[in-house]
Amino acid sequence: MQTNVMKKICAITMARNDAFFLRHWIEYYGSQLGKENLYIFLDGTDQPVPENAGAATVTHCERIPGQVVSAEKRRLAHLSNTAAELLKKYDLVIGTDADEFLVVDPDCNETLQSYLSKLKIETSVSGLGLDVGQNMNKEKTIHEEQSFLSQRSYAILSPRYTKPVVLAKPVTWGSGFHRIKGHNFRIDKNLYLFHFGVFDMKMVEDRFLDKDRMAAGWERHMKKRTKVITRVTEKKPLKGDRFLSLARTIQTFCRPIYAWNKPIMLGMKWVMKIPERFKKIEI
């Protein structure tokens, strides 16, 4: 770590028909960075501006057409170009989907801005990915007025969500922010990327009613993703920070032969009991 003055950091996202998560994205990153440093792109001129946007910069884009794979590539190309422009006036850019939240370990007693300001980042930095699910035997439907992590206690240690979401220089993100083209990545020991996209069965079922998503080919993807809830419900969870550390080590050194700049867990799908200290995180 280095002891720098506070860096200027912004966060960007693009969303369509995602009002629930976008509200929480704005509140979380706004509290960490200031809403004036949030840049939100709405995919389609029919999308309403979030009521809590405040000083955030909200831009309506023409709808990105096509099936999920091709549309996703165009979406990330747009966000990569945007990040490159923003890096002319910001030190760092954080790019995530609206259901992803980059969190500093509460034991650090740091805000996201203060912690990232102390890091020496050459190109990018990643948090360890935690794909949060719903234990159907123990956890009820999400109540929006309560924080997410006060209601959810289990996650899969997923390399899919160990993403290089913090950029220090212009690069090109791959689809879904999952990698940076032509660059390796570094997983920081105190950063975690929480994904909440399938953390509530009722919400997942409602998404199958979204005609836009189904028309774009999301049905197969969503059915695959619901396996997170099944796994979290049925598998005995691991406990203790040693498993977080071990997963970080595995993902740092193990890569698929077809994508050297993506992490893997060697086929292991560990279900983790989220440490109690994270329950006080306001998301």
Protein backbone atom coordinates (compact mmCIF):
# COMPACT_ATOMS: atom_id res chain seq x y z
CA MET A 1 0.00 0.00 0.00
CA GLN A 2 1.00 3.60 -0.48
CA THR A 3 -0.06 6.64 1.55
CA ASN A 4 -1.44 8.96 -1.11
CA VAL A 5 -3.88 11.81 -0.87
CA MET A 6 -7.49 10.84 -1.61
CA LYS A 7 -7.86 9.78 -5.23
CA LYS A 8 -10.68 10.97 -7.44
CA ILE A 9 -12.80 7.90 -8.22
CA CYS A 10 -16.00 7.40 -10.18
CA ALA A 11 -18.32 4.47 -10.84
CA ILE A 12 -20.17 3.57 -14.04
CA THR A 13 -22.91 1.13 -14.97
CA MET A 14 -25.48 0.45 -17.67
CA ALA A 15 -28.92 -0.95 -16.90
CA ARG A 16 -32.25 -1.85 -18.46
CA ASN A 17 -35.38 -2.85 -16.54
CA ASP A 18 -33.27 -3.04 -13.38
CA ALA A 19 -34.83 -0.35 -11.17
CA PHE A 20 -34.54 -2.36 -7.95
CA PHE A 21 -30.80 -2.95 -8.12
CA LEU A 22 -30.08 0.42 -9.69
CA ARG A 23 -31.61 2.19 -6.67
CA HIS A 24 -29.29 0.27 -4.37
CA TRP A 25 -26.30 0.76 -6.69
CA ILE A 26 -26.83 4.53 -6.56
CA GLU A 27 -27.19 4.59 -2.77
CA TYR A 28 -24.16 2.39 -2.14
CA TYR A 29 -21.66 3.91 -4.57
CA GLY A 30 -23.06 7.37 -3.89
CA SER A 31 -22.32 6.95 -0.18
CA GLN A 32 -18.79 5.73 -0.97
CA LEU A 33 -17.82 8.13 -3.76
CA GLY A 34 -20.44 10.90 -3.89
CA LYS A 35 -23.39 10.76 -6.28
CA GLU A 36 -21.79 13.44 -8.43
CA ASN A 37 -19.17 10.82 -9.34
CA LEU A 38 -21.67 8.25 -10.63
CA TYR A 39 -22.30 7.77 -14.35
CA ILE A 40 -25.38 5.75 -15.26
CA PHE A 41 -26.32 4.72 -18.78
CA LEU A 42 -29.92 3.64 -19.35
CA ASP A 43 -30.28 1.14 -22.20
CA GLY A 44 -33.23 2.62 -24.06
CA THR A 45 -35.01 5.96 -24.15
CA ASP A 46 -38.02 4.30 -22.50
CA GLN A 47 -36.13 3.78 -19.23
CA PRO A 48 -37.13 6.07 -16.31
CA VAL A 49 -34.48 8.09 -14.49
CA PRO A 50 -34.10 6.65 -10.95
CA GLU A 51 -35.76 8.87 -8.36
CA ASN A 52 -32.70 8.75 -6.12
CA ALA A 53 -30.21 9.68 -8.88
CA GLY A 54 -29.52 13.07 -7.32
CA ALA A 55 -26.33 14.60 -8.72
CA ALA A 56 -25.42 11.47 -10.71
CA THR A 57 -24.96 11.84 -14.47
CA VAL A 58 -27.73 9.80 -16.12
CA THR A 59 -27.63 9.28 -19.89
CA HIS A 60 -30.26 7.63 -22.05
CA CYS A 61 -28.80 5.50 -24.84
CA GLU A 62 -30.48 4.08 -27.87
CA ARG A 63 -31.52 0.53 -27.09
CA ILE A 64 -28.71 -1.95 -27.73
CA PRO A 65 -30.45 -4.62 -29.86
CA GLY A 66 -29.62 -8.27 -30.39
CA GLN A 67 -29.22 -11.48 -28.45
CA VAL A 68 -27.51 -11.45 -25.08
CA VAL A 69 -23.97 -12.27 -26.29
CA SER A 70 -23.74 -9.74 -29.12
CA ALA A 71 -25.56 -7.04 -27.15
CA GLU A 72 -23.25 -7.57 -24.18
CA LYS A 73 -20.16 -7.07 -26.31
CA ARG A 74 -21.48 -3.75 -27.61
CA ARG A 75 -22.48 -2.69 -24.09
CA LEU A 76 -19.00 -3.32 -22.69
CA ALA A 77 -17.34 -1.64 -25.67
CA HIS A 78 -19.38 1.48 -24.88
CA LEU A 79 -18.50 1.32 -21.16
CA SER A 80 -14.81 0.75 -21.93
CA ASN A 81 -14.76 3.83 -24.14
CA THR A 82 -16.58 5.80 -21.46
CA ALA A 83 -14.08 4.69 -18.81
CA ALA A 84 -11.21 5.80 -21.04
CA GLU A 85 -12.72 9.28 -21.32
CA LEU A 86 -13.40 9.49 -17.59
CA LEU A 87 -9.82 8.54 -16.78
CA LYS A 88 -8.78 11.89 -18.24
CA LYS A 89 -10.22 13.53 -15.12
CA TYR A 90 -10.45 10.67 -12.60
CA ASP A 91 -7.66 8.58 -11.08
CA LEU A 92 -9.74 5.40 -11.03
CA VAL A 93 -12.95 4.13 -12.64
CA ILE A 94 -15.10 1.38 -11.12
CA GLY A 95 -17.32 -0.46 -13.59
CA THR A 96 -19.93 -2.98 -12.48
CA ASP A 97 -23.38 -4.27 -13.31
CA ALA A 98 -26.17 -2.77 -11.22
CA ASP A 99 -26.37 -5.91 -9.05
CA GLU A 100 -22.65 -5.91 -8.15
CA PHE A 101 -21.09 -4.15 -5.19
CA LEU A 102 -17.37 -3.75 -4.51
CA VAL A 103 -16.83 -3.89 -0.74
CA VAL A 104 -13.82 -3.30 1.49
CA ASP A 105 -13.41 -5.80 4.32
CA PRO A 106 -15.08 -4.14 7.37
CA ASP A 107 -12.04 -5.02 9.47
CA CYS A 108 -10.10 -2.39 7.49
CA ASN A 109 -12.38 0.38 8.78
CA GLU A 110 -12.04 2.18 5.43
CA THR A 111 -14.41 3.57 2.84
CA LEU A 112 -14.04 2.32 -0.71
CA GLN A 113 -12.50 5.63 -1.73
CA SER A 114 -10.02 5.80 1.15
CA TYR A 115 -8.93 2.19 0.68
CA LEU A 116 -8.48 2.38 -3.09
CA SER A 117 -6.59 5.65 -2.66
CA LYS A 118 -3.91 3.80 -0.72
CA LEU A 119 -3.43 1.06 -3.30
CA LYS A 120 -0.81 1.19 -6.00
CA ILE A 121 -2.76 0.05 -9.06
CA GLU A 122 -0.89 -0.42 -12.31
CA THR A 123 -3.80 -1.38 -14.59
CA SER A 124 -6.64 -2.85 -12.57
CA VAL A 125 -7.60 -4.50 -9.31
CA SER A 126 -10.21 -7.15 -8.51
CA GLY A 127 -12.18 -8.15 -5.45
CA LEU A 128 -12.81 -11.80 -4.59
CA GLY A 129 -16.15 -12.81 -6.12
CA LEU A 130 -19.03 -13.85 -3.86
CA ASP A 131 -22.18 -14.97 -5.67
CA VAL A 132 -24.90 -14.57 -3.04
CA GLY A 133 -27.82 -17.00 -3.05
CA GLN A 134 -30.93 -17.68 -0.99
CA ASN A 135 -31.02 -20.63 1.37
CA MET A 136 -34.61 -21.65 0.82
CA ASN A 137 -34.70 -23.53 4.12
CA LYS A 138 -33.53 -20.62 6.25
CA GLU A 139 -34.02 -17.31 4.45
CA LYS A 140 -37.16 -15.42 3.49
CA THR A 141 -37.97 -13.20 0.52
CA ILE A 142 -35.90 -10.01 0.51
CA HIS A 143 -37.32 -6.90 2.18
CA GLU A 144 -35.99 -3.86 0.38
CA GLU A 145 -36.05 -1.65 3.48
CA GLN A 146 -33.41 -3.88 5.13
CA SER A 147 -29.82 -4.22 3.96
CA PHE A 148 -29.06 -7.19 1.69
CA LEU A 149 -26.37 -8.79 3.83
CA SER A 150 -28.48 -8.60 6.98
CA GLN A 151 -30.87 -10.98 5.19
CA ARG A 152 -28.48 -13.25 3.29
CA SER A 153 -25.69 -15.36 4.80
CA TYR A 154 -24.50 -17.71 2.05
CA ALA A 155 -22.58 -17.33 -1.20
CA ILE A 156 -20.60 -19.34 -3.72
CA LEU A 157 -16.92 -18.41 -4.00
CA SER A 158 -17.28 -17.75 -7.70
CA PRO A 159 -14.44 -16.86 -10.09
CA ARG A 160 -17.12 -15.49 -12.44
CA TYR A 161 -17.42 -12.51 -10.11
CA THR A 162 -13.74 -12.02 -9.39
CA LYS A 163 -13.76 -9.24 -11.94
CA PRO A 164 -11.19 -6.53 -12.77
CA VAL A 165 -13.74 -3.82 -12.06
CA VAL A 166 -11.31 -1.06 -10.96
CA LEU A 167 -9.35 0.56 -13.77
CA ALA A 168 -6.35 2.86 -13.49
CA LYS A 169 -5.77 3.24 -17.22
CA PRO A 170 -7.78 2.86 -20.46
CA VAL A 171 -8.29 -0.77 -21.43
CA THR A 172 -11.03 -2.89 -22.98
CA TRP A 173 -13.31 -4.91 -20.73
CA GLY A 174 -14.57 -8.26 -21.97
CA SER A 175 -18.29 -9.07 -21.76
CA GLY A 176 -19.75 -8.65 -18.29
CA PHE A 177 -16.53 -6.99 -16.99
CA HIS A 178 -15.17 -10.55 -16.58
CA ARG A 179 -11.70 -9.77 -17.92
CA ILE A 180 -9.52 -7.09 -19.47
CA LYS A 181 -8.34 -7.86 -22.97
CA GLY A 182 -4.57 -8.27 -23.16
CA HIS A 183 -3.98 -7.77 -19.42
CA ASN A 184 -3.72 -9.89 -16.33
CA PHE A 185 -5.45 -8.96 -13.09
CA ARG A 186 -4.66 -8.72 -9.38
CA ILE A 187 -7.01 -9.81 -6.57
CA ASP A 188 -6.68 -7.55 -3.55
CA LYS A 189 -6.69 -9.22 -0.13
CA ASN A 190 -9.29 -6.85 1.34
CA LEU A 191 -11.71 -6.35 -1.57
CA TYR A 192 -14.83 -8.41 -2.30
CA LEU A 193 -17.26 -8.20 -5.19
CA PHE A 194 -20.73 -9.24 -4.04
CA HIS A 195 -23.14 -10.30 -6.78
CA PHE A 196 -26.84 -10.27 -5.82
CA GLY A 197 -28.42 -11.08 -9.18
CA VAL A 198 -29.88 -14.41 -8.01
CA PHE A 199 -30.12 -13.85 -4.25
CA ASP A 200 -33.91 -14.10 -4.13
CA MET A 201 -36.07 -16.78 -5.78
CA LYS A 202 -39.13 -14.55 -6.08
CA MET A 203 -37.07 -11.93 -7.88
CA VAL A 204 -35.62 -14.54 -10.24
CA GLU A 205 -39.10 -15.84 -11.06
CA ASP A 206 -40.27 -12.30 -11.78
CA ARG A 207 -37.42 -11.83 -14.22
CA PHE A 208 -38.76 -14.69 -16.32
CA LEU A 209 -41.78 -12.43 -16.90
CA ASP A 210 -39.55 -9.72 -18.38
CA LYS A 211 -40.32 -9.96 -22.11
CA ASP A 212 -37.25 -7.92 -23.05
CA ARG A 213 -34.90 -10.33 -21.30
CA MET A 214 -36.58 -13.42 -22.68
CA ALA A 215 -36.61 -12.02 -26.22
CA ALA A 216 -32.88 -11.33 -25.95
CA GLY A 217 -32.14 -14.95 -25.05
CA TRP A 218 -31.83 -14.64 -21.27
CA GLU A 219 -34.07 -17.62 -20.40
CA ARG A 220 -31.34 -20.25 -20.67
CA HIS A 221 -28.93 -18.02 -18.78
CA MET A 222 -31.41 -17.38 -15.96
CA LYS A 223 -32.24 -21.07 -15.57
CA LYS A 224 -28.55 -21.83 -15.28
CA ARG A 225 -28.10 -19.09 -12.70
CA THR A 226 -30.87 -20.41 -10.43
CA LYS A 227 -28.56 -23.33 -9.65
CA VAL A 228 -26.83 -20.93 -7.24
CA ILE A 229 -29.92 -20.97 -5.02
CA THR A 230 -30.14 -24.77 -5.22
CA ARG A 231 -26.49 -25.18 -4.32
CA VAL A 232 -26.63 -22.69 -1.44
CA THR A 233 -29.74 -24.44 -0.09
CA GLU A 234 -28.47 -28.00 -0.32
CA LYS A 235 -24.73 -27.83 0.34
CA LYS A 236 -23.11 -27.54 3.77
CA PRO A 237 -21.30 -24.19 3.93
CA LEU A 238 -17.64 -23.65 4.71
CA LYS A 239 -16.84 -21.26 7.55
CA GLY A 240 -13.83 -19.12 8.29
CA ASP A 241 -11.57 -16.60 6.58
CA ARG A 242 -9.05 -19.30 5.70
CA PHE A 243 -11.34 -20.44 2.88
CA LEU A 244 -11.55 -16.90 1.53
CA SER A 245 -7.76 -16.73 1.53
CA LEU A 246 -7.42 -20.15 -0.10
CA ALA A 247 -9.95 -19.26 -2.83
CA ARG A 248 -8.04 -16.06 -3.52
CA THR A 249 -4.80 -18.02 -3.90
CA ILE A 250 -6.38 -20.59 -6.22
CA GLN A 251 -7.91 -17.90 -8.42
CA THR A 252 -4.65 -15.97 -8.55
CA PHE A 253 -2.60 -18.87 -9.91
CA CYS A 254 -5.11 -21.05 -11.77
CA ARG A 255 -6.42 -20.08 -15.22
CA PRO A 256 -8.31 -21.87 -18.01
CA ILE A 257 -6.17 -22.71 -21.03
CA TYR A 258 -8.54 -20.76 -23.30
CA ALA A 259 -8.41 -17.50 -21.26
CA TRP A 260 -5.24 -16.85 -19.27
CA ASN A 261 -6.70 -13.60 -17.91
CA LYS A 262 -9.73 -15.18 -16.22
CA PRO A 263 -9.62 -16.92 -12.81
CA ILE A 264 -10.95 -20.41 -12.10
CA MET A 265 -11.61 -22.55 -9.01
CA LEU A 266 -10.55 -25.85 -10.62
CA GLY A 267 -14.16 -26.99 -10.80
CA MET A 268 -14.76 -26.49 -7.07
CA LYS A 269 -18.01 -24.73 -6.17
CA TRP A 270 -17.52 -23.81 -2.54
CA VAL A 271 -20.51 -22.55 -0.63
CA MET A 272 -19.35 -20.04 1.99
CA LYS A 273 -20.97 -18.76 5.14
CA ILE A 274 -20.45 -15.01 4.77
CA PRO A 275 -18.52 -13.77 7.83
CA GLU A 276 -20.70 -11.94 10.35
CA ARG A 277 -18.73 -8.69 10.08
CA PHE A 278 -20.14 -8.12 6.57
CA LYS A 279 -23.71 -7.93 7.87
CA LYS A 280 -23.19 -4.30 8.83
CA ILE A 281 -22.43 -3.31 5.22
CA GLU A 282 -25.24 -1.08 3.97
CA ILE A 283 -26.26 -2.31 0.54
